[in-house]
Amino acid sequence: MGVPEAFLTDEAIVKGLGGTITLLRDNSYTEEEILRWLFTADDTLPGTPIDALRGDRGREIKRRAQAMAF
């Protein structure tokens, strides 16, 4: 399996992605569920969580990932 292009910038991995994935994994999300969540459109963002991370809205995405645990 490869790495989705959306996970990378020109220089590195998208800021906040690793922490977001860790939060979701710690709450028993599978790799498939994590990918689905990151790439599913959410009208309240707008866009997808990965788009929000790429757009420097990582704080909101981490907050949502934490809230999903409860």
N, C-alpha and C. Protein backbone atom coordinates (compact mmCIF):
# COMPACT_ATOMS: atom_id res chain seq x y z
N MET A 1 0.84 -1.16 0.00
CA MET A 1 0.00 0.00 0.00
C MET A 1 0.89 1.23 0.00
N GLY A 2 0.51 2.25 -0.74
CA GLY A 2 1.27 3.48 -0.80
C GLY A 2 0.73 4.54 0.15
N VAL A 3 1.40 5.67 0.16
CA VAL A 3 0.99 6.81 0.98
C VAL A 3 0.16 7.75 0.11
N PRO A 4 -1.04 8.13 0.56
CA PRO A 4 -1.84 9.07 -0.23
C PRO A 4 -1.09 10.38 -0.44
N GLU A 5 -1.13 10.88 -1.65
CA GLU A 5 -0.45 12.12 -2.00
C GLU A 5 -0.90 13.27 -1.10
N ALA A 6 -2.16 13.27 -0.70
CA ALA A 6 -2.70 14.34 0.15
C ALA A 6 -2.02 14.40 1.51
N PHE A 7 -1.31 13.35 1.91
CA PHE A 7 -0.61 13.32 3.20
C PHE A 7 0.72 14.06 3.15
N LEU A 8 1.15 14.47 1.96
CA LEU A 8 2.47 15.07 1.79
C LEU A 8 2.38 16.50 1.27
N THR A 9 3.32 17.33 1.72
CA THR A 9 3.51 18.65 1.14
C THR A 9 4.75 18.55 0.25
N ASP A 10 5.21 19.66 -0.27
CA ASP A 10 6.44 19.64 -1.07
C ASP A 10 7.65 19.26 -0.24
N GLU A 11 7.59 19.53 1.07
CA GLU A 11 8.76 19.31 1.92
C GLU A 11 8.63 18.20 2.95
N ALA A 12 7.41 17.86 3.35
CA ALA A 12 7.25 16.93 4.48
C ALA A 12 5.85 16.33 4.52
N ILE A 13 5.58 15.64 5.62
CA ILE A 13 4.24 15.13 5.90
C ILE A 13 3.39 16.30 6.39
N VAL A 14 2.12 16.31 6.06
CA VAL A 14 1.21 17.38 6.46
C VAL A 14 1.25 17.56 7.98
N LYS A 15 1.42 18.79 8.41
CA LYS A 15 1.50 19.13 9.83
C LYS A 15 0.23 18.66 10.54
N GLY A 16 0.40 17.98 11.65
CA GLY A 16 -0.73 17.53 12.45
C GLY A 16 -1.29 16.17 12.07
N LEU A 17 -0.89 15.64 10.93
CA LEU A 17 -1.44 14.36 10.48
C LEU A 17 -1.05 13.22 11.42
N GLY A 18 0.20 13.16 11.80
CA GLY A 18 0.65 12.08 12.68
C GLY A 18 -0.09 12.06 14.01
N GLY A 19 -0.26 13.22 14.61
CA GLY A 19 -0.97 13.31 15.88
C GLY A 19 -2.44 12.93 15.74
N THR A 20 -3.04 13.33 14.63
CA THR A 20 -4.45 12.99 14.38
C THR A 20 -4.61 11.49 14.23
N ILE A 21 -3.73 10.87 13.47
CA ILE A 21 -3.79 9.42 13.29
C ILE A 21 -3.58 8.71 14.62
N THR A 22 -2.64 9.19 15.42
CA THR A 22 -2.40 8.59 16.73
C THR A 22 -3.64 8.68 17.61
N LEU A 23 -4.29 9.84 17.63
CA LEU A 23 -5.52 9.98 18.42
C LEU A 23 -6.58 8.96 18.00
N LEU A 24 -6.75 8.82 16.71
CA LEU A 24 -7.77 7.89 16.21
C LEU A 24 -7.38 6.44 16.50
N ARG A 25 -6.12 6.10 16.32
CA ARG A 25 -5.65 4.73 16.62
C ARG A 25 -5.80 4.40 18.10
N ASP A 26 -5.48 5.37 18.96
CA ASP A 26 -5.62 5.16 20.40
C ASP A 26 -7.06 4.91 20.80
N ASN A 27 -7.98 5.33 19.94
CA ASN A 27 -9.40 5.12 20.21
C ASN A 27 -9.97 3.99 19.37
N SER A 28 -9.08 3.06 18.99
CA SER A 28 -9.45 1.79 18.33
C SER A 28 -10.00 1.93 16.92
N TYR A 29 -9.69 3.02 16.23
CA TYR A 29 -10.07 3.12 14.83
C TYR A 29 -9.10 2.30 13.99
N THR A 30 -9.62 1.58 13.02
CA THR A 30 -8.77 0.81 12.12
C THR A 30 -8.17 1.73 11.07
N GLU A 31 -7.17 1.24 10.35
CA GLU A 31 -6.58 2.04 9.28
C GLU A 31 -7.63 2.44 8.26
N GLU A 32 -8.50 1.50 7.92
CA GLU A 32 -9.56 1.79 6.94
C GLU A 32 -10.49 2.89 7.46
N GLU A 33 -10.87 2.82 8.72
CA GLU A 33 -11.76 3.83 9.30
C GLU A 33 -11.09 5.19 9.35
N ILE A 34 -9.80 5.21 9.66
CA ILE A 34 -9.06 6.47 9.70
C ILE A 34 -9.01 7.09 8.32
N LEU A 35 -8.67 6.30 7.32
CA LEU A 35 -8.62 6.83 5.95
C LEU A 35 -9.98 7.33 5.50
N ARG A 36 -11.01 6.55 5.80
CA ARG A 36 -12.37 6.96 5.42
C ARG A 36 -12.71 8.29 6.06
N TRP A 37 -12.41 8.45 7.36
CA TRP A 37 -12.73 9.70 8.05
C TRP A 37 -11.94 10.87 7.47
N LEU A 38 -10.66 10.67 7.22
CA LEU A 38 -9.82 11.75 6.70
C LEU A 38 -10.27 12.24 5.33
N PHE A 39 -10.85 11.34 4.53
CA PHE A 39 -11.20 11.69 3.16
C PHE A 39 -12.70 11.85 2.91
N THR A 40 -13.51 11.82 3.98
CA THR A 40 -14.95 12.01 3.82
C THR A 40 -15.30 13.48 4.00
N ALA A 41 -16.03 14.02 3.02
CA ALA A 41 -16.43 15.42 3.06
C ALA A 41 -17.30 15.70 4.29
N ASP A 42 -17.06 16.87 4.87
CA ASP A 42 -17.81 17.32 6.04
C ASP A 42 -18.21 18.77 5.79
N ASP A 43 -19.50 19.00 5.63
CA ASP A 43 -19.99 20.34 5.32
C ASP A 43 -19.67 21.37 6.40
N THR A 44 -19.43 20.92 7.62
CA THR A 44 -19.12 21.86 8.70
C THR A 44 -17.68 22.35 8.66
N LEU A 45 -16.82 21.76 7.83
CA LEU A 45 -15.43 22.22 7.78
C LEU A 45 -15.22 23.44 6.87
N PRO A 46 -15.58 23.58 5.70
CA PRO A 46 -16.04 22.62 4.69
C PRO A 46 -14.86 21.83 4.13
N GLY A 47 -15.20 20.78 3.41
CA GLY A 47 -14.19 19.91 2.82
C GLY A 47 -14.01 18.66 3.65
N THR A 48 -12.84 18.08 3.56
CA THR A 48 -12.52 16.86 4.28
C THR A 48 -11.54 17.19 5.41
N PRO A 49 -11.43 16.30 6.39
CA PRO A 49 -10.43 16.55 7.44
C PRO A 49 -9.01 16.69 6.89
N ILE A 50 -8.64 15.91 5.88
CA ILE A 50 -7.28 16.05 5.34
C ILE A 50 -7.11 17.41 4.66
N ASP A 51 -8.15 17.92 4.02
CA ASP A 51 -8.09 19.27 3.44
C ASP A 51 -7.87 20.30 4.54
N ALA A 52 -8.57 20.11 5.66
CA ALA A 52 -8.44 21.05 6.77
C ALA A 52 -7.03 21.02 7.35
N LEU A 53 -6.46 19.83 7.49
CA LEU A 53 -5.08 19.73 7.97
C LEU A 53 -4.12 20.42 7.00
N ARG A 54 -4.33 20.22 5.72
CA ARG A 54 -3.47 20.85 4.71
C ARG A 54 -3.64 22.37 4.72
N GLY A 55 -4.82 22.82 5.14
CA GLY A 55 -5.09 24.25 5.18
C GLY A 55 -4.77 24.89 6.53
N ASP A 56 -3.99 24.20 7.33
CA ASP A 56 -3.54 24.72 8.62
C ASP A 56 -4.70 24.89 9.61
N ARG A 57 -5.64 23.96 9.58
CA ARG A 57 -6.74 23.95 10.56
C ARG A 57 -6.66 22.70 11.43
N GLY A 58 -5.44 22.33 11.76
CA GLY A 58 -5.17 21.12 12.52
C GLY A 58 -5.79 21.11 13.90
N ARG A 59 -5.86 22.25 14.55
CA ARG A 59 -6.43 22.31 15.90
C ARG A 59 -7.88 21.82 15.88
N GLU A 60 -8.65 22.24 14.90
CA GLU A 60 -10.05 21.82 14.78
C GLU A 60 -10.16 20.33 14.50
N ILE A 61 -9.28 19.81 13.66
CA ILE A 61 -9.32 18.39 13.33
C ILE A 61 -8.94 17.54 14.54
N LYS A 62 -7.94 17.95 15.28
CA LYS A 62 -7.56 17.21 16.48
C LYS A 62 -8.69 17.25 17.52
N ARG A 63 -9.34 18.39 17.64
CA ARG A 63 -10.48 18.49 18.57
C ARG A 63 -11.58 17.52 18.18
N ARG A 64 -11.86 17.42 16.89
CA ARG A 64 -12.90 16.51 16.42
C ARG A 64 -12.48 15.04 16.62
N ALA A 65 -11.23 14.75 16.37
CA ALA A 65 -10.74 13.38 16.57
C ALA A 65 -10.84 12.99 18.04
N GLN A 66 -10.52 13.91 18.93
CA GLN A 66 -10.63 13.64 20.37
C GLN A 66 -12.09 13.42 20.76
N ALA A 67 -12.99 14.23 20.21
CA ALA A 67 -14.41 14.13 20.54
C ALA A 67 -15.01 12.82 20.05
N MET A 68 -14.47 12.27 18.99
CA MET A 68 -15.00 11.02 18.45
C MET A 68 -14.76 9.85 19.39
N ALA A 69 -13.85 10.01 20.33
CA ALA A 69 -13.54 8.92 21.26
C ALA A 69 -14.63 8.72 22.31
N PHE A 70 -15.49 9.72 22.47
CA PHE A 70 -16.49 9.64 23.53
C PHE A 70 -17.86 9.34 23.02
